[in-house]
Amino acid sequence: MTSLTVAFLALMPDIESLINTVGWPGLFLIVFAETGLLIGFFLPGDTLLLTAGLLCNKGTLSVGDHDGIWLLIPLLIVAAIAGDAVGYQIGRKTGPRLFTSEDSVWLNRKHLDKAHAFYDRHGGKTIVLARFSPFLRTFAPTVAGAAAMGYGKFAFYNITGGIAWVTSMCLIGYFLGNVPHIDLVFILVVGLVLAISVAPPAWHLFRTWRESTSRAT
């Protein structure tokens, strides 16, 4: 058994224990914080949703005699949409002041100008795809607000992305509960989700590095 497999096996009960401890209000707050507050980038978004869906299948998150998945999905969709809306407002109100230094690696004015132009061209797609990428889903709505993306356009893609992300992750976890050898399958699914979510930003960083290298030479 590889060290990565051992790590995932250790992670799964920790996430399950977290969900059992915080309950429904805690799930709402975690999803809201990860998508709406800049300090929430370390929270386990995808893994949390997958595990919550799985626990609904097992009956751990049932609501009386009812299957908890039908409460889980709408509850966390609201949390995800509200979180992005708050993130957007943070960027809208404070972003231009944050992006004032010409020397800062992360928050300089040139980055805001580039972000503004990028959101003009690809804004909607960025908001939706960022939902499926750790780290990016925390900062994308704030950058969209700082780059002055129109709120009507942002709200449409915020709602679309929130529904797609929460529904897909929770249902994948839910239906995994019917699969034999669930521990191994769950590890593979989490690994696949992480690989897919990391691939786009990694490719973008690689292209940026290659372009800067070619200009330097």
Protein backbone atom coordinates (compact mmCIF):
# COMPACT_ATOMS: atom_id res chain seq x y z
CA MET A 1 0.00 0.00 0.00
CA THR A 2 1.49 3.34 -1.05
CA SER A 3 1.97 6.26 1.32
CA LEU A 4 -0.64 8.22 -0.69
CA THR A 5 -3.21 5.47 -0.13
CA VAL A 6 -2.43 5.46 3.59
CA ALA A 7 -2.85 9.25 3.69
CA PHE A 8 -6.27 9.08 2.04
CA LEU A 9 -7.41 6.26 4.33
CA ALA A 10 -6.37 8.42 7.28
CA LEU A 11 -8.13 11.48 5.84
CA MET A 12 -11.52 9.89 5.27
CA PRO A 13 -12.38 9.12 8.94
CA ASP A 14 -11.12 12.59 9.93
CA ILE A 15 -13.54 14.25 7.50
CA GLU A 16 -16.34 11.94 8.64
CA SER A 17 -15.59 12.80 12.26
CA LEU A 18 -15.59 16.51 11.39
CA ILE A 19 -19.00 16.23 9.71
CA ASN A 20 -20.47 14.26 12.60
CA THR A 21 -19.13 16.87 15.02
CA VAL A 22 -20.25 20.06 13.28
CA GLY A 23 -23.52 18.72 11.87
CA TRP A 24 -25.73 20.57 9.40
CA PRO A 25 -24.90 24.12 10.61
CA GLY A 26 -21.19 23.35 10.48
CA LEU A 27 -21.42 22.00 6.93
CA PHE A 28 -23.14 25.19 5.83
CA LEU A 29 -20.54 27.40 7.50
CA ILE A 30 -17.57 25.45 6.12
CA VAL A 31 -18.81 25.66 2.52
CA PHE A 32 -19.69 29.34 2.99
CA ALA A 33 -16.28 30.15 4.47
CA GLU A 34 -14.33 28.29 1.79
CA THR A 35 -16.09 30.09 -1.03
CA GLY A 36 -16.69 33.47 0.59
CA LEU A 37 -13.89 34.28 3.01
CA LEU A 38 -10.27 34.65 1.97
CA ILE A 39 -9.14 32.64 4.99
CA GLY A 40 -11.14 29.58 3.87
CA PHE A 41 -8.75 28.29 1.20
CA PHE A 42 -7.45 25.51 3.49
CA LEU A 43 -10.88 23.95 4.08
CA PRO A 44 -11.64 20.51 2.55
CA GLY A 45 -14.33 21.49 0.01
CA ASP A 46 -14.43 18.64 -2.52
CA THR A 47 -13.60 15.93 0.01
CA LEU A 48 -16.16 17.36 2.42
CA LEU A 49 -18.96 17.24 -0.17
CA LEU A 50 -18.03 13.74 -1.34
CA THR A 51 -17.93 12.44 2.24
CA ALA A 52 -21.18 14.18 3.18
CA GLY A 53 -22.92 12.55 0.23
CA LEU A 54 -21.51 9.19 1.25
CA LEU A 55 -22.74 9.65 4.83
CA CYS A 56 -26.21 10.43 3.54
CA ASN A 57 -26.21 7.06 1.78
CA LYS A 58 -25.09 5.37 5.01
CA GLY A 59 -27.90 7.07 6.94
CA THR A 60 -25.57 9.09 9.17
CA LEU A 61 -27.01 12.38 7.86
CA SER A 62 -30.61 11.24 7.53
CA VAL A 63 -33.40 13.56 8.64
CA GLY A 64 -35.91 11.48 10.54
CA ASP A 65 -37.18 8.88 8.09
CA HIS A 66 -36.06 10.95 5.09
CA ASP A 67 -32.87 10.62 3.06
CA GLY A 68 -30.59 13.49 4.04
CA ILE A 69 -29.22 14.00 0.51
CA TRP A 70 -32.31 16.03 -0.45
CA LEU A 71 -31.64 18.46 2.38
CA LEU A 72 -27.86 18.41 2.00
CA ILE A 73 -27.80 19.52 -1.64
CA PRO A 74 -30.07 22.60 -1.44
CA LEU A 75 -28.55 23.65 1.91
CA LEU A 76 -24.99 23.61 0.57
CA ILE A 77 -26.00 25.18 -2.75
CA VAL A 78 -27.28 28.17 -0.76
CA ALA A 79 -24.03 28.22 1.25
CA ALA A 80 -21.87 28.11 -1.90
CA ILE A 81 -23.83 30.83 -3.70
CA ALA A 82 -23.94 33.07 -0.63
CA GLY A 83 -20.23 32.56 -0.06
CA ASP A 84 -19.29 33.60 -3.58
CA ALA A 85 -21.59 36.62 -3.35
CA VAL A 86 -19.83 37.76 -0.17
CA GLY A 87 -16.42 37.15 -1.78
CA TYR A 88 -17.46 39.28 -4.74
CA GLN A 89 -18.53 42.14 -2.46
CA ILE A 90 -15.24 41.95 -0.55
CA GLY A 91 -13.36 42.30 -3.82
CA ARG A 92 -15.67 45.03 -5.07
CA LYS A 93 -15.27 47.18 -1.96
CA THR A 94 -11.66 46.50 -0.95
CA GLY A 95 -10.00 44.98 -4.00
CA PRO A 96 -8.81 48.16 -5.70
CA ARG A 97 -7.17 49.24 -2.43
CA LEU A 98 -5.53 45.83 -2.00
CA PHE A 99 -4.03 45.94 -5.48
CA THR A 100 -2.03 49.15 -5.05
CA SER A 101 1.57 48.03 -4.75
CA GLU A 102 3.63 47.73 -7.90
CA ASP A 103 6.19 45.58 -6.09
CA SER A 104 3.89 42.98 -4.51
CA VAL A 105 4.14 39.54 -6.09
CA TRP A 106 0.45 38.68 -5.58
CA LEU A 107 -1.48 41.92 -5.17
CA ASN A 108 0.08 44.47 -7.51
CA ARG A 109 -1.92 46.76 -9.79
CA LYS A 110 -0.80 45.00 -12.98
CA HIS A 111 -2.39 41.78 -11.74
CA LEU A 112 -5.71 43.55 -11.18
CA ASP A 113 -5.59 45.07 -14.67
CA LYS A 114 -4.84 41.65 -16.16
CA ALA A 115 -7.63 40.09 -14.08
CA HIS A 116 -10.06 42.75 -15.30
CA ALA A 117 -9.21 42.02 -18.94
CA PHE A 118 -9.37 38.24 -18.31
CA TYR A 119 -12.81 38.44 -16.71
CA ASP A 120 -14.03 40.60 -19.59
CA ARG A 121 -13.16 37.75 -21.95
CA HIS A 122 -13.71 34.61 -19.86
CA GLY A 123 -15.47 35.75 -16.68
CA GLY A 124 -18.41 33.36 -16.65
CA LYS A 125 -16.35 30.31 -17.47
CA THR A 126 -13.82 31.25 -14.81
CA ILE A 127 -16.43 31.52 -12.05
CA VAL A 128 -17.95 28.13 -12.91
CA LEU A 129 -14.67 26.22 -13.37
CA ALA A 130 -13.10 27.76 -10.25
CA ARG A 131 -15.75 25.95 -8.20
CA PHE A 132 -13.99 22.69 -8.97
CA SER A 133 -10.50 23.91 -8.11
CA PRO A 134 -9.17 24.16 -4.54
CA PHE A 135 -7.70 27.57 -3.72
CA LEU A 136 -9.15 29.11 -6.90
CA ARG A 137 -12.75 28.83 -5.70
CA THR A 138 -11.80 30.87 -2.63
CA PHE A 139 -10.19 33.74 -4.52
CA ALA A 140 -12.04 33.81 -7.87
CA PRO A 141 -15.12 35.73 -6.64
CA THR A 142 -12.96 38.29 -4.82
CA VAL A 143 -10.83 38.88 -7.91
CA ALA A 144 -14.02 39.14 -10.00
CA GLY A 145 -15.29 41.86 -7.68
CA ALA A 146 -11.94 43.68 -7.65
CA ALA A 147 -11.81 43.50 -11.45
CA ALA A 148 -15.28 45.14 -11.60
CA MET A 149 -17.02 42.23 -13.31
CA GLY A 150 -20.72 43.12 -13.72
CA TYR A 151 -22.74 41.70 -10.83
CA GLY A 152 -25.58 40.45 -13.03
CA LYS A 153 -23.15 38.38 -15.08
CA PHE A 154 -21.34 37.23 -11.93
CA ALA A 155 -24.58 36.22 -10.18
CA PHE A 156 -25.71 34.07 -13.13
CA TYR A 157 -22.47 32.10 -13.23
CA ASN A 158 -22.23 32.04 -9.44
CA ILE A 159 -25.60 30.29 -9.24
CA THR A 160 -24.78 27.97 -12.14
CA GLY A 161 -21.41 27.01 -10.69
CA GLY A 162 -22.75 26.58 -7.16
CA ILE A 163 -25.50 24.23 -8.30
CA ALA A 164 -23.15 22.22 -10.53
CA TRP A 165 -20.39 21.88 -7.91
CA VAL A 166 -22.49 20.94 -4.89
CA THR A 167 -24.87 18.65 -6.78
CA SER A 168 -22.16 16.74 -8.64
CA MET A 169 -19.85 16.25 -5.62
CA CYS A 170 -22.64 15.25 -3.22
CA LEU A 171 -24.27 12.83 -5.68
CA ILE A 172 -20.95 11.22 -6.59
CA GLY A 173 -20.31 10.60 -2.89
CA TYR A 174 -23.88 9.39 -2.39
CA PHE A 175 -23.79 6.82 -5.18
CA LEU A 176 -20.33 5.64 -4.15
CA GLY A 177 -22.07 4.27 -1.08
CA ASN A 178 -23.55 1.52 -3.28
CA VAL A 179 -20.16 0.42 -4.64
CA PRO A 180 -18.30 -2.59 -3.20
CA HIS A 181 -14.86 -1.95 -1.65
CA ILE A 182 -15.90 1.62 -0.96
CA ASP A 183 -12.67 2.63 0.82
CA LEU A 184 -10.50 1.94 -2.21
CA VAL A 185 -13.00 3.40 -4.67
CA PHE A 186 -13.38 6.52 -2.56
CA ILE A 187 -9.60 7.02 -2.56
CA LEU A 188 -9.49 6.71 -6.34
CA VAL A 189 -12.38 9.14 -6.83
CA VAL A 190 -10.90 11.74 -4.47
CA GLY A 191 -7.55 11.41 -6.24
CA LEU A 192 -9.22 11.83 -9.63
CA VAL A 193 -11.18 14.89 -8.48
CA LEU A 194 -8.02 16.48 -7.10
CA ALA A 195 -6.08 15.75 -10.29
CA ILE A 196 -8.80 17.23 -12.51
CA SER A 197 -9.15 20.32 -10.32
CA VAL A 198 -5.42 20.99 -10.16
CA ALA A 199 -4.76 20.43 -13.87
CA PRO A 200 -6.16 23.73 -15.29
CA PRO A 201 -4.28 26.11 -12.95
CA ALA A 202 -1.14 24.00 -13.28
CA TRP A 203 -1.34 24.22 -17.07
CA HIS A 204 -1.93 27.98 -16.89
CA LEU A 205 1.10 28.43 -14.63
CA PHE A 206 3.21 26.31 -16.97
CA ARG A 207 2.17 28.37 -20.00
CA THR A 208 2.87 31.61 -18.13
CA TRP A 209 6.31 30.36 -17.10
CA ARG A 210 7.11 29.19 -20.63
CA GLU A 211 6.03 32.52 -22.14
CA SER A 212 8.10 34.52 -19.63
CA THR A 213 11.10 32.28 -20.29
CA SER A 214 10.82 32.70 -24.04
CA ARG A 215 10.61 36.49 -23.70
CA ALA A 216 13.66 36.51 -21.45
CA THR A 217 15.69 34.64 -24.02
